[in-house]
Amino acid sequence: KEAENLRMLDELEIAINNEIKNLEDNNVVEYISYDDIPDKSKIIRTFMFGVIKRNPDGTVKGLKIRCVANGANQHNSTYSKTASPVISRQLLFMLLHWSCQPGWKRFSFDISAAFCKVEMKDRDLYAELDHHVWKNHPWKRFARLGRVIYGLKQAAREFFLVLRELLCNANFTHNDETMLKFEGSNYDGGIYSMVNSNGEVIALLACHVDDILGVSMAEGIRQQLAEVLMDRFGKITEDDATNFCGLMIEDINDTTIKISQPAYLEQLGSTLNWDEELKDVTNINNWKIMPWDSNSTLEFGLSEIKVSIKKYQTAIGELLYAVQTRPEINPMLAYLSSKQTDPRHDDWQKVLRLMVYLKNTCTEGIIFSAPQLYDATGKPFIHATCDSSIKLNTRYGHTGITVGFGYNNPPFTTVSKRQQLITNSSAEAEMVGFNMASALVVWLRNCLTFIFRVKAEEPTIIEGDCLSAIKAIQKEAITNNLKHVHPKEFYCRMMFQDGILKFGHVNTNELLADTLTKLLDGVKFRIYKARLLNSGGDYGQVNYKRKIDFHISETVI
């Protein structure tokens, strides 16, 4: 239907014929008579799936057709493991920020018809092909699968195993070194690093199925990697990584990039038919510049009018994808996400307002510059902030976390999440929040050490605005008021005692994570938004000075 609206029916027919040719040329299918199939339970139906591919700016890139198996009906005897690791969002943004350092260059590869280049381990799997394949040739209706096709439960994993073996076994040359290899990681299965003889990382790869984003400071690695991929998979598409996984990556200068989703935000809610609902909104201009009113409260579900759960969940899903480059909407979205099982009209109005705001500000995004502050060893370091609040009527806490390079760079990771347990005080909620932040920071710290090869020799600082919670973490023993807390919530105490983390107290008005736990308004919202996005102007200073107090008690031995 979309191809018809874009007057691309001729291109659609060509794309279908190209996919059929692709199946035959790559030995994906071996046509067979239905009577010759010994086990009919191993026949999987397929269909032609098409998508209009667009550039991040919204322009049409092309039309893509794939023959896809209906894996939902695949017999469990035809597959085993199905998990296929991809790069996590935290590490992807961390890698992009890392690439802003002088001398590092980005590149990307897209492997054409990637799954069709991977051999099937089970040669007794059969497909009933889409009618476009056999409508003129009835004998092509059934086929034995010689290669993996999209939609099979094991398809992504089989490709992942082939790609990982290829990347980790290929030899690369840089300067006088001839046996350089990419190494995988146990901390994230979607990232690979290359290290020289001095123990310095010189190239990094982020993989999301068949899309590869690379950053390197070593000339020649990009070309060598392209040759390795072409030798194994044939056709690949190579560019300077101006987009990856729906993200638009713009080079502002040699050490500054902007990550945004303009085309995606522009089409938010396009399938929801909500234009009629906006006609009754009297303050639509306010919706376009602010995601919530200054008098917004955390009360939800007050209306007696129910709305469609499917429509509400669809909208929430679209917003959750948008929040990766627009973290300023995180607190409202986190609360709205908790209403998905019983959404009401007032909740839906808040969702619509977020969409209107994002559509009107669709060109905004996160700006990363080269990390400007270093630790005593002269190496990049990570820094975090954490804040928690408690809703008195439910006693559930809400935690906000930011993690970034240096004291004043925009965070590459933000979290805004309701706590999973009831707490008795704000200090207790803050301590639980510190525990959540500690787990995330320690993982990122290990990634920095073992993937990016930067050993953190100093404790990582986590800022907070609750002095009583910080003192509770650092005391020699827990007090009577904390004896009911589960031992797992004391992970932050253990990390402090081991010298891995350090907790500092700052004023609430200077704590970046504060904007992820409550609905700030007016100037405060704009200040924190500028700090989250590094958008500059009157609200986003490069060096946002603040005083960090460390109330450190005697170390527990």
Protein backbone atom coordinates (compact mmCIF):
# COMPACT_ATOMS: atom_id res chain seq x y z
CA LYS A 1 0.00 0.00 0.00
CA GLU A 2 2.81 2.40 0.89
CA ALA A 3 4.62 1.55 -2.35
CA GLU A 4 1.42 2.31 -4.26
CA ASN A 5 1.06 5.68 -2.51
CA LEU A 6 4.67 6.51 -3.42
CA ARG A 7 4.12 5.32 -7.00
CA MET A 8 6.78 2.65 -6.60
CA LEU A 9 4.85 -0.39 -7.91
CA ASP A 10 7.38 -0.99 -10.69
CA GLU A 11 10.21 -0.85 -8.14
CA LEU A 12 8.24 -3.28 -5.97
CA GLU A 13 8.01 -5.85 -8.77
CA ILE A 14 11.74 -5.49 -9.48
CA ALA A 15 12.58 -5.92 -5.77
CA ILE A 16 10.49 -9.11 -5.56
CA ASN A 17 12.22 -10.59 -8.61
CA ASN A 18 15.62 -9.62 -7.19
CA GLU A 19 14.84 -11.43 -3.95
CA ILE A 20 13.81 -14.57 -5.85
CA LYS A 21 17.07 -14.39 -7.81
CA ASN A 22 18.95 -13.88 -4.56
CA LEU A 23 17.43 -17.05 -3.09
CA GLU A 24 18.44 -19.08 -6.12
CA ASP A 25 21.91 -17.60 -6.72
CA ASN A 26 22.97 -18.05 -3.08
CA ASN A 27 21.72 -21.65 -2.95
CA VAL A 28 19.23 -20.73 -0.26
CA VAL A 29 16.55 -22.93 -1.81
CA GLU A 30 16.69 -26.31 -3.48
CA TYR A 31 13.31 -26.92 -5.12
CA ILE A 32 11.71 -30.21 -4.19
CA SER A 33 8.40 -31.99 -4.73
CA TYR A 34 5.97 -32.05 -1.81
CA ASP A 35 5.81 -35.84 -2.02
CA ASP A 36 9.60 -36.08 -1.58
CA ILE A 37 9.56 -34.29 1.80
CA PRO A 38 9.85 -37.05 4.44
CA ASP A 39 8.72 -35.07 7.50
CA LYS A 40 5.89 -32.67 6.70
CA SER A 41 6.13 -31.10 10.19
CA LYS A 42 9.40 -29.49 9.11
CA ILE A 43 7.73 -27.42 6.39
CA ILE A 44 7.71 -23.71 7.23
CA ARG A 45 5.52 -21.24 5.39
CA THR A 46 7.15 -18.08 4.05
CA PHE A 47 5.93 -14.73 2.78
CA MET A 48 7.40 -11.70 1.04
CA PHE A 49 7.98 -8.83 3.45
CA GLY A 50 8.67 -5.35 2.13
CA VAL A 51 9.77 -2.09 3.71
CA ILE A 52 10.40 1.38 2.35
CA LYS A 53 13.88 2.26 3.57
CA ARG A 54 14.37 5.88 4.48
CA ASN A 55 17.34 8.02 5.37
CA PRO A 56 17.40 9.60 8.87
CA ASP A 57 16.22 12.87 7.29
CA GLY A 58 13.07 11.15 5.98
CA THR A 59 13.96 10.89 2.29
CA VAL A 60 13.29 7.58 0.54
CA LYS A 61 16.42 5.44 0.27
CA GLY A 62 14.94 2.48 -1.53
CA LEU A 63 12.60 -0.49 -1.36
CA LYS A 64 13.68 -3.73 0.32
CA ILE A 65 11.96 -7.10 -0.08
CA ARG A 66 12.87 -10.25 1.83
CA CYS A 67 11.47 -13.77 1.81
CA VAL A 68 10.64 -14.32 5.48
CA ALA A 69 9.80 -17.54 7.28
CA ASN A 70 6.88 -17.70 9.69
CA GLY A 71 9.05 -18.71 12.64
CA ALA A 72 6.07 -18.70 14.99
CA ASN A 73 5.05 -22.08 13.57
CA GLN A 74 8.57 -23.52 13.44
CA HIS A 75 8.85 -26.96 15.04
CA ASN A 76 11.08 -26.93 18.14
CA SER A 77 13.09 -29.86 16.86
CA THR A 78 14.54 -27.65 14.10
CA TYR A 79 16.44 -25.23 16.32
CA SER A 80 18.27 -25.04 19.65
CA LYS A 81 19.75 -21.74 20.89
CA THR A 82 18.27 -18.57 19.42
CA ALA A 83 19.85 -15.69 21.41
CA SER A 84 21.83 -13.23 19.30
CA PRO A 85 23.65 -10.43 21.18
CA VAL A 86 23.56 -6.90 19.76
CA ILE A 87 25.27 -3.75 20.99
CA SER A 88 23.53 -2.23 24.02
CA ARG A 89 22.34 1.36 23.77
CA GLN A 90 24.60 2.41 26.67
CA LEU A 91 27.74 1.10 24.98
CA LEU A 92 26.71 2.40 21.55
CA PHE A 93 26.42 5.96 22.87
CA MET A 94 29.58 5.49 24.93
CA LEU A 95 31.42 4.43 21.76
CA LEU A 96 30.05 7.41 19.81
CA HIS A 97 31.18 9.81 22.52
CA TRP A 98 34.57 8.08 22.61
CA SER A 99 34.93 8.59 18.85
CA CYS A 100 34.90 12.37 19.35
CA GLN A 101 38.50 12.26 20.56
CA PRO A 102 41.01 13.75 18.08
CA GLY A 103 42.22 11.28 15.47
CA TRP A 104 39.28 8.87 15.63
CA LYS A 105 37.17 8.28 12.50
CA ARG A 106 33.80 6.56 12.03
CA PHE A 107 32.68 4.15 9.33
CA SER A 108 29.87 1.63 8.84
CA PHE A 109 29.10 -1.49 6.84
CA ASP A 110 25.77 -3.05 5.87
CA ILE A 111 25.97 -6.66 4.71
CA SER A 112 23.54 -7.29 1.86
CA ALA A 113 21.27 -10.36 2.29
CA ALA A 114 23.40 -11.33 5.27
CA PHE A 115 21.41 -14.32 6.53
CA CYS A 116 21.35 -15.91 3.09
CA LYS A 117 25.16 -16.25 3.27
CA VAL A 118 25.00 -18.57 6.30
CA GLU A 119 24.65 -22.31 5.78
CA MET A 120 21.89 -24.28 7.50
CA LYS A 121 23.13 -26.76 10.10
CA ASP A 122 19.87 -28.72 9.83
CA ARG A 123 19.60 -29.75 6.18
CA ASP A 124 16.16 -31.29 6.74
CA LEU A 125 14.22 -28.03 6.98
CA TYR A 126 11.80 -27.16 4.21
CA ALA A 127 9.87 -24.10 3.10
CA GLU A 128 6.57 -23.49 1.38
CA LEU A 129 7.49 -20.41 -0.61
CA ASP A 130 5.39 -17.30 -1.16
CA HIS A 131 3.09 -17.41 -4.19
CA HIS A 132 5.18 -14.70 -5.89
CA VAL A 133 7.90 -17.34 -6.30
CA TRP A 134 5.81 -20.12 -7.78
CA LYS A 135 2.81 -18.40 -9.39
CA ASN A 136 4.35 -18.90 -12.86
CA HIS A 137 6.28 -22.05 -11.88
CA PRO A 138 4.21 -24.40 -9.66
CA TRP A 139 7.19 -26.73 -9.19
CA LYS A 140 8.90 -23.98 -7.18
CA ARG A 141 6.34 -24.04 -4.38
CA PHE A 142 8.41 -26.21 -2.01
CA ALA A 143 12.14 -26.19 -1.35
CA ARG A 144 14.80 -27.59 0.97
CA LEU A 145 16.61 -24.76 2.79
CA GLY A 146 20.36 -24.78 2.21
CA ARG A 147 20.94 -21.41 3.87
CA VAL A 148 19.35 -19.43 6.66
CA ILE A 149 16.45 -17.12 5.77
CA TYR A 150 14.95 -14.26 7.71
CA GLY A 151 12.27 -15.23 10.21
CA LEU A 152 13.76 -18.55 11.31
CA LYS A 153 14.14 -18.63 15.07
CA GLN A 154 17.83 -19.49 14.83
CA ALA A 155 18.63 -17.13 11.93
CA ALA A 156 20.07 -14.20 13.89
CA ARG A 157 22.14 -16.43 16.15
CA GLU A 158 23.61 -18.43 13.26
CA PHE A 159 24.68 -15.20 11.58
CA PHE A 160 26.10 -13.86 14.86
CA LEU A 161 28.28 -16.96 15.29
CA VAL A 162 29.63 -16.70 11.75
CA LEU A 163 30.34 -12.97 12.08
CA ARG A 164 32.03 -13.35 15.47
CA GLU A 165 34.29 -16.13 14.21
CA LEU A 166 35.18 -14.07 11.14
CA LEU A 167 36.03 -10.90 13.09
CA CYS A 168 37.99 -12.66 15.81
CA ASN A 169 40.07 -14.83 13.45
CA ALA A 170 40.92 -12.30 10.71
CA ASN A 171 44.41 -10.77 10.83
CA PHE A 172 44.93 -7.03 10.40
CA THR A 173 48.02 -4.91 9.83
CA HIS A 174 48.85 -1.52 11.31
CA ASN A 175 52.30 0.10 11.19
CA ASP A 176 54.76 -2.73 11.90
CA GLU A 177 52.24 -5.03 13.56
CA THR A 178 50.81 -7.79 11.37
CA MET A 179 48.81 -10.05 13.70
CA LEU A 180 46.21 -7.67 15.06
CA LYS A 181 42.76 -9.13 15.73
CA PHE A 182 39.40 -7.99 17.00
CA GLU A 183 38.40 -9.36 20.39
CA GLY A 184 34.89 -10.04 21.65
CA SER A 185 33.77 -9.23 25.18
CA ASN A 186 31.84 -10.99 27.92
CA TYR A 187 30.43 -7.64 29.05
CA ASP A 188 28.54 -7.08 25.79
CA GLY A 189 28.28 -9.52 22.91
CA GLY A 190 27.75 -6.79 20.31
CA ILE A 191 31.07 -4.94 20.64
CA TYR A 192 34.59 -5.82 19.50
CA SER A 193 37.90 -4.09 20.21
CA MET A 194 41.33 -4.17 18.58
CA VAL A 195 44.39 -3.55 20.77
CA ASN A 196 47.96 -2.86 19.70
CA SER A 197 51.12 -4.23 21.32
CA ASN A 198 51.14 -1.33 23.80
CA GLY A 199 47.75 -2.36 25.16
CA GLU A 200 45.96 0.63 23.58
CA VAL A 201 42.66 0.22 21.78
CA ILE A 202 42.97 1.38 18.16
CA ALA A 203 39.60 0.27 16.76
CA LEU A 204 36.12 -0.61 18.01
CA LEU A 205 33.16 -2.25 16.29
CA ALA A 206 29.50 -2.08 17.31
CA CYS A 207 27.31 -4.77 15.73
CA HIS A 208 23.54 -4.80 15.47
CA VAL A 209 22.75 -8.01 13.56
CA ASP A 210 24.12 -7.28 10.05
CA ASP A 211 24.81 -3.56 10.59
CA ILE A 212 28.33 -2.70 11.74
CA LEU A 213 29.51 0.65 13.09
CA GLY A 214 33.25 1.09 13.46
CA VAL A 215 35.52 3.74 14.94
CA SER A 216 39.27 3.67 14.52
CA MET A 217 42.37 5.78 15.00
CA ALA A 218 44.45 3.45 12.83
CA GLU A 219 44.53 4.17 9.11
CA GLY A 220 43.91 1.14 6.93
CA ILE A 221 41.77 -0.86 9.36
CA ARG A 222 38.58 0.24 7.62
CA GLN A 223 39.75 -0.91 4.19
CA GLN A 224 41.10 -4.21 5.52
CA LEU A 225 37.83 -4.91 7.31
CA ALA A 226 35.88 -4.16 4.13
CA GLU A 227 37.97 -6.73 2.26
CA VAL A 228 37.44 -9.34 4.99
CA LEU A 229 33.66 -8.86 4.90
CA MET A 230 33.48 -8.91 1.09
CA ASP A 231 35.54 -12.11 0.90
CA ARG A 232 33.04 -13.85 3.18
CA PHE A 233 29.68 -12.22 2.41
CA GLY A 234 30.07 -10.68 -1.02
CA LYS A 235 28.23 -7.41 -1.49
CA ILE A 236 28.44 -4.86 1.33
CA THR A 237 27.49 -1.19 1.59
CA GLU A 238 30.09 1.10 3.11
CA ASP A 239 29.80 4.73 4.24
CA ASP A 240 31.06 7.23 6.82
CA ALA A 241 28.46 6.25 9.45
CA THR A 242 26.16 9.23 9.06
CA ASN A 243 23.38 6.97 10.35
CA PHE A 244 23.16 3.75 12.35
CA CYS A 245 20.11 1.87 13.65
CA GLY A 246 17.82 4.81 12.91
CA LEU A 247 20.14 7.39 14.49
CA MET A 248 21.31 10.35 12.45
CA ILE A 249 24.96 11.15 13.23
CA GLU A 250 26.10 14.59 12.09
CA ASP A 251 29.66 15.88 12.22
CA ILE A 252 29.64 19.43 13.60
CA ASN A 253 33.43 19.57 13.52
CA ASP A 254 36.36 17.15 13.87
CA THR A 255 35.65 16.47 17.55
CA THR A 256 31.90 17.15 17.88
CA ILE A 257 28.92 15.13 16.68
CA LYS A 258 25.15 15.43 17.01
CA ILE A 259 22.93 12.35 17.40
CA SER A 260 19.26 12.81 16.57
CA GLN A 261 16.19 11.12 15.05
CA PRO A 262 14.50 13.86 12.97
CA ALA A 263 12.64 11.62 10.52
CA TYR A 264 11.44 9.25 13.22
CA LEU A 265 10.21 12.04 15.50
CA GLU A 266 8.52 13.80 12.58
CA GLN A 267 6.32 10.75 11.88
CA LEU A 268 5.45 9.96 15.52
CA GLY A 269 1.86 8.78 15.85
CA SER A 270 1.31 8.61 12.09
CA THR A 271 -0.63 5.34 12.48
CA LEU A 272 -2.75 6.48 15.43
CA ASN A 273 -5.07 8.93 13.61
CA TRP A 274 -4.93 11.44 16.44
CA ASP A 275 -5.21 14.65 14.40
CA GLU A 276 -8.91 14.93 15.27
CA GLU A 277 -8.13 14.76 18.98
CA LEU A 278 -5.79 17.75 18.73
CA LYS A 279 -8.48 20.04 17.33
CA ASP A 280 -9.98 20.49 20.79
CA VAL A 281 -6.64 21.41 22.40
CA THR A 282 -6.70 25.13 23.20
CA ASN A 283 -3.07 25.51 24.29
CA ILE A 284 -1.43 23.59 21.43
CA ASN A 285 1.33 26.20 21.14
CA ASN A 286 2.40 25.44 24.70
CA TRP A 287 2.43 21.74 23.87
CA LYS A 288 4.92 22.41 21.07
CA ILE A 289 7.56 23.96 23.33
CA MET A 290 7.04 22.24 26.70
CA PRO A 291 6.33 18.52 27.31
CA TRP A 292 4.19 19.31 30.38
CA ASP A 293 2.62 22.27 32.20
CA SER A 294 4.19 24.02 35.15
CA ASN A 295 1.30 22.76 37.26
CA SER A 296 1.70 19.15 36.15
CA THR A 297 1.41 16.63 38.96
CA LEU A 298 2.32 12.99 39.24
CA GLU A 299 -1.33 12.00 39.43
CA PHE A 300 -2.39 9.69 36.63
CA GLY A 301 -5.49 7.71 35.75
CA LEU A 302 -7.87 10.30 37.26
CA SER A 303 -10.34 10.25 34.35
CA GLU A 304 -13.17 7.74 34.26
CA ILE A 305 -12.89 7.55 30.47
CA LYS A 306 -10.85 4.57 29.31
CA VAL A 307 -8.83 4.57 26.08
CA SER A 308 -7.74 1.76 23.79
CA ILE A 309 -4.96 -0.26 25.41
CA LYS A 310 -3.51 -1.19 22.02
CA LYS A 311 -3.42 2.42 20.86
CA TYR A 312 -1.87 3.55 24.15
CA GLN A 313 0.79 0.83 24.12
CA THR A 314 1.67 1.60 20.51
CA ALA A 315 2.25 5.25 21.39
CA ILE A 316 4.33 4.35 24.46
CA GLY A 317 6.46 2.02 22.34
CA GLU A 318 7.17 4.80 19.84
CA LEU A 319 8.11 7.20 22.64
CA LEU A 320 10.40 4.67 24.31
CA TYR A 321 12.42 4.47 21.09
CA ALA A 322 12.54 8.26 20.83
CA VAL A 323 13.79 8.80 24.37
CA GLN A 324 17.30 7.53 23.56
CA THR A 325 18.13 10.89 21.94
CA ARG A 326 15.63 12.98 23.92
CA PRO A 327 16.22 12.06 27.59
CA GLU A 328 14.46 15.20 28.88
CA ILE A 329 11.05 13.47 28.49
CA ASN A 330 12.19 10.49 30.56
CA PRO A 331 10.39 11.21 33.87
CA MET A 332 6.95 11.75 32.32
CA LEU A 333 7.36 8.76 30.01
CA ALA A 334 8.40 6.52 32.89
CA TYR A 335 5.21 7.34 34.79
CA LEU A 336 3.01 6.99 31.70
CA SER A 337 4.55 3.58 30.93
CA SER A 338 3.23 2.26 34.24
CA LYS A 339 -0.37 2.91 33.08
CA GLN A 340 -0.34 0.60 30.06
CA THR A 341 -2.71 -1.98 31.52
CA ASP A 342 -5.45 0.53 32.33
CA PRO A 343 -4.87 3.83 30.48
CA ARG A 344 -7.32 6.69 30.99
CA HIS A 345 -8.13 9.81 28.99
CA ASP A 346 -5.91 12.11 31.10
CA ASP A 347 -2.98 9.71 30.60
CA TRP A 348 -3.62 9.71 26.86
CA GLN A 349 -3.60 13.52 26.79
CA LYS A 350 -0.15 13.50 28.42
CA VAL A 351 1.06 11.00 25.78
CA LEU A 352 -0.27 13.20 22.96
CA ARG A 353 1.47 16.21 24.43
CA LEU A 354 4.82 14.40 24.47
CA MET A 355 4.36 13.48 20.81
CA VAL A 356 3.43 17.03 19.80
CA TYR A 357 6.47 18.36 21.68
CA LEU A 358 8.87 15.90 20.04
CA LYS A 359 7.44 16.43 16.54
CA ASN A 360 7.85 20.20 16.91
CA THR A 361 11.45 19.84 18.18
CA CYS A 362 12.40 16.87 15.97
CA THR A 363 15.74 18.32 14.87
CA GLU A 364 17.12 18.48 18.41
CA GLY A 365 19.43 15.78 19.75
CA ILE A 366 22.44 15.00 21.92
CA ILE A 367 25.71 16.78 21.12
CA PHE A 368 28.90 14.96 22.07
CA SER A 369 32.26 16.71 22.11
CA ALA A 370 35.69 15.31 22.93
CA PRO A 371 35.87 14.62 26.70
CA GLN A 372 37.54 17.70 28.16
CA LEU A 373 38.29 16.59 31.72
CA TYR A 374 40.60 13.76 32.71
CA ASP A 375 41.62 12.10 35.94
CA ALA A 376 45.02 12.39 37.59
CA THR A 377 46.51 9.88 35.13
CA GLY A 378 45.38 11.90 32.11
CA LYS A 379 42.89 9.26 31.01
CA PRO A 380 39.16 9.67 30.24
CA PHE A 381 36.96 8.74 33.17
CA ILE A 382 33.26 8.23 33.80
CA HIS A 383 31.20 10.26 36.24
CA ALA A 384 27.64 9.68 37.44
CA THR A 385 24.76 11.43 39.18
CA CYS A 386 21.84 9.79 40.96
CA ASP A 387 18.62 11.06 42.48
CA SER A 388 15.56 9.34 43.91
CA SER A 389 12.18 10.55 45.04
CA ILE A 390 9.34 8.77 46.81
CA LYS A 391 5.63 8.98 46.06
CA LEU A 392 3.99 9.21 49.46
CA ASN A 393 0.63 7.66 48.55
CA THR A 394 2.25 4.49 47.15
CA ARG A 395 5.65 4.66 48.91
CA TYR A 396 7.32 3.47 45.70
CA GLY A 397 10.50 5.36 44.89
CA HIS A 398 11.58 6.67 41.50
CA THR A 399 15.26 6.82 40.51
CA GLY A 400 17.07 8.92 37.92
CA ILE A 401 20.66 8.20 36.86
CA THR A 402 23.07 9.87 34.44
CA VAL A 403 26.51 8.56 33.42
CA GLY A 404 28.97 10.34 31.14
CA PHE A 405 32.63 11.11 30.49
CA GLY A 406 34.01 13.79 32.81
CA TYR A 407 32.20 16.15 35.13
CA ASN A 408 30.37 18.32 32.61
CA ASN A 409 29.97 16.36 29.39
CA PRO A 410 26.43 15.29 28.46
CA PRO A 411 25.57 11.79 29.70
CA PHE A 412 25.76 8.89 27.26
CA THR A 413 23.42 6.92 29.55
CA THR A 414 20.29 8.08 31.36
CA VAL A 415 17.85 6.07 33.46
CA SER A 416 14.45 7.08 34.82
CA LYS A 417 12.77 4.14 36.48
CA ARG A 418 10.34 3.30 39.26
CA GLN A 419 11.88 1.26 42.06
CA GLN A 420 10.58 -2.27 42.49
CA LEU A 421 10.15 -2.14 46.27
CA ILE A 422 8.43 -0.04 48.90
CA THR A 423 10.66 2.21 50.99
CA ASN A 424 9.94 3.82 54.34
CA SER A 425 11.68 7.15 53.82
CA SER A 426 13.24 9.36 51.18
CA ALA A 427 16.71 8.50 52.49
CA GLU A 428 16.00 4.80 52.08
CA ALA A 429 14.70 5.41 48.55
CA GLU A 430 17.90 7.36 47.79
CA MET A 431 20.00 4.46 49.03
CA VAL A 432 18.13 2.02 46.82
CA GLY A 433 18.70 4.43 43.93
CA PHE A 434 22.42 4.59 44.71
CA ASN A 435 22.46 0.79 44.57
CA MET A 436 20.89 0.84 41.07
CA ALA A 437 23.42 3.45 39.97
CA SER A 438 26.30 1.46 41.46
CA ALA A 439 25.45 -1.65 39.44
CA LEU A 440 25.27 0.35 36.20
CA VAL A 441 28.43 2.37 36.89
CA VAL A 442 30.51 -0.67 37.86
CA TRP A 443 29.47 -2.44 34.64
CA LEU A 444 30.36 0.61 32.54
CA ARG A 445 33.61 0.97 34.47
CA ASN A 446 34.48 -2.65 33.62
CA CYS A 447 33.58 -2.00 29.98
CA LEU A 448 35.91 1.01 30.00
CA THR A 449 38.69 -1.18 31.43
CA PHE A 450 38.33 -4.37 29.40
CA ILE A 451 36.86 -3.09 26.10
CA PHE A 452 38.17 0.48 25.78
CA ARG A 453 41.38 -0.50 27.66
CA VAL A 454 41.34 2.47 30.02
CA LYS A 455 41.99 1.26 33.55
CA ALA A 456 40.15 3.38 36.11
CA GLU A 457 42.74 3.89 38.85
CA GLU A 458 40.62 6.32 40.87
CA PRO A 459 37.16 5.69 42.39
CA THR A 460 34.25 6.67 40.18
CA ILE A 461 32.22 9.50 41.69
CA ILE A 462 28.44 9.28 41.96
CA GLU A 463 26.80 12.57 42.90
CA GLY A 464 23.68 12.72 45.06
CA ASP A 465 21.74 15.28 47.05
CA CYS A 466 20.77 13.17 50.10
CA LEU A 467 23.47 13.46 52.73
CA SER A 468 21.85 10.98 55.09
CA ALA A 469 21.84 8.26 52.39
CA ILE A 470 25.48 8.96 51.55
CA LYS A 471 26.45 8.70 55.23
CA ALA A 472 24.49 5.46 55.56
CA ILE A 473 26.49 4.01 52.66
CA GLN A 474 29.80 5.06 54.17
CA LYS A 475 29.22 4.22 57.83
CA GLU A 476 31.14 1.37 59.45
CA ALA A 477 27.92 -0.54 60.10
CA ILE A 478 24.28 -0.16 59.18
CA THR A 479 21.95 1.53 61.65
CA ASN A 480 18.79 0.06 63.20
CA ASN A 481 16.69 1.96 60.66
CA LEU A 482 18.24 -0.05 57.82
CA LYS A 483 18.16 -3.54 59.31
CA HIS A 484 15.01 -4.41 57.36
CA VAL A 485 16.67 -3.61 54.00
CA HIS A 486 17.57 -6.63 51.86
CA PRO A 487 21.35 -7.30 51.78
CA LYS A 488 21.42 -6.93 47.97
CA GLU A 489 20.68 -3.22 48.41
CA PHE A 490 24.04 -2.85 50.17
CA TYR A 491 26.04 -3.45 46.99
CA CYS A 492 26.82 0.28 46.95
CA ARG A 493 28.36 -0.03 50.45
CA MET A 494 30.59 -2.86 49.28
CA MET A 495 31.77 -0.89 46.24
CA PHE A 496 32.57 2.10 48.46
CA GLN A 497 34.50 -0.05 50.91
CA ASP A 498 36.48 -1.62 48.05
CA GLY A 499 37.47 1.82 46.78
CA ILE A 500 35.69 1.39 43.46
CA LEU A 501 33.01 4.05 43.99
CA LYS A 502 32.88 7.32 45.91
CA PHE A 503 29.69 9.20 46.75
CA GLY A 504 29.63 12.99 46.77
CA HIS A 505 26.97 15.41 48.01
CA VAL A 506 25.84 18.32 45.82
CA ASN A 507 23.06 20.86 46.02
CA THR A 508 19.74 19.65 44.60
CA ASN A 509 19.61 22.57 42.14
CA GLU A 510 22.93 21.39 40.65
CA LEU A 511 22.25 17.65 40.49
CA LEU A 512 21.69 16.61 36.86
CA ALA A 513 19.76 13.45 37.74
CA ASP A 514 17.17 15.58 39.54
CA THR A 515 15.43 16.25 36.22
CA LEU A 516 14.87 12.50 35.71
CA THR A 517 12.80 12.00 38.86
CA LYS A 518 10.40 14.94 38.82
CA LEU A 519 8.58 17.20 36.35
CA LEU A 520 10.59 20.42 36.46
CA ASP A 521 9.18 23.42 34.63
CA GLY A 522 10.13 26.76 33.11
CA VAL A 523 13.75 27.86 33.37
CA LYS A 524 14.74 24.82 35.45
CA PHE A 525 13.53 22.44 32.74
CA ARG A 526 15.43 24.36 30.05
CA ILE A 527 18.64 24.41 32.11
CA TYR A 528 18.60 20.68 32.70
CA LYS A 529 17.57 19.95 29.11
CA ALA A 530 20.55 21.98 27.88
CA ARG A 531 22.84 19.99 30.18
CA LEU A 532 21.38 16.64 29.06
CA LEU A 533 21.64 17.48 25.35
CA ASN A 534 24.69 19.75 25.55
CA SER A 535 22.68 22.18 23.44
CA GLY A 536 24.58 25.29 24.61
CA GLY A 537 23.08 28.76 24.64
CA ASP A 538 22.23 30.53 27.87
CA TYR A 539 21.40 27.30 29.68
CA GLY A 540 24.14 24.83 28.73
CA GLN A 541 27.56 25.93 29.92
CA VAL A 542 30.54 23.80 28.96
CA ASN A 543 31.80 23.87 32.55
CA TYR A 544 28.86 23.78 34.93
CA LYS A 545 30.64 24.49 38.21
CA ARG A 546 29.30 22.94 41.40
CA LYS A 547 30.66 22.00 44.79
CA ILE A 548 30.96 18.29 45.58
CA ASP A 549 31.37 17.46 49.27
CA PHE A 550 32.73 14.10 50.36
CA HIS A 551 31.67 13.12 53.88
CA ILE A 552 33.89 10.07 54.17
CA SER A 553 33.97 8.19 57.45
CA GLU A 554 36.61 5.75 58.56
CA THR A 555 37.15 3.00 55.98
CA VAL A 556 35.92 -0.43 56.99
CA ILE A 557 38.71 -2.99 57.02
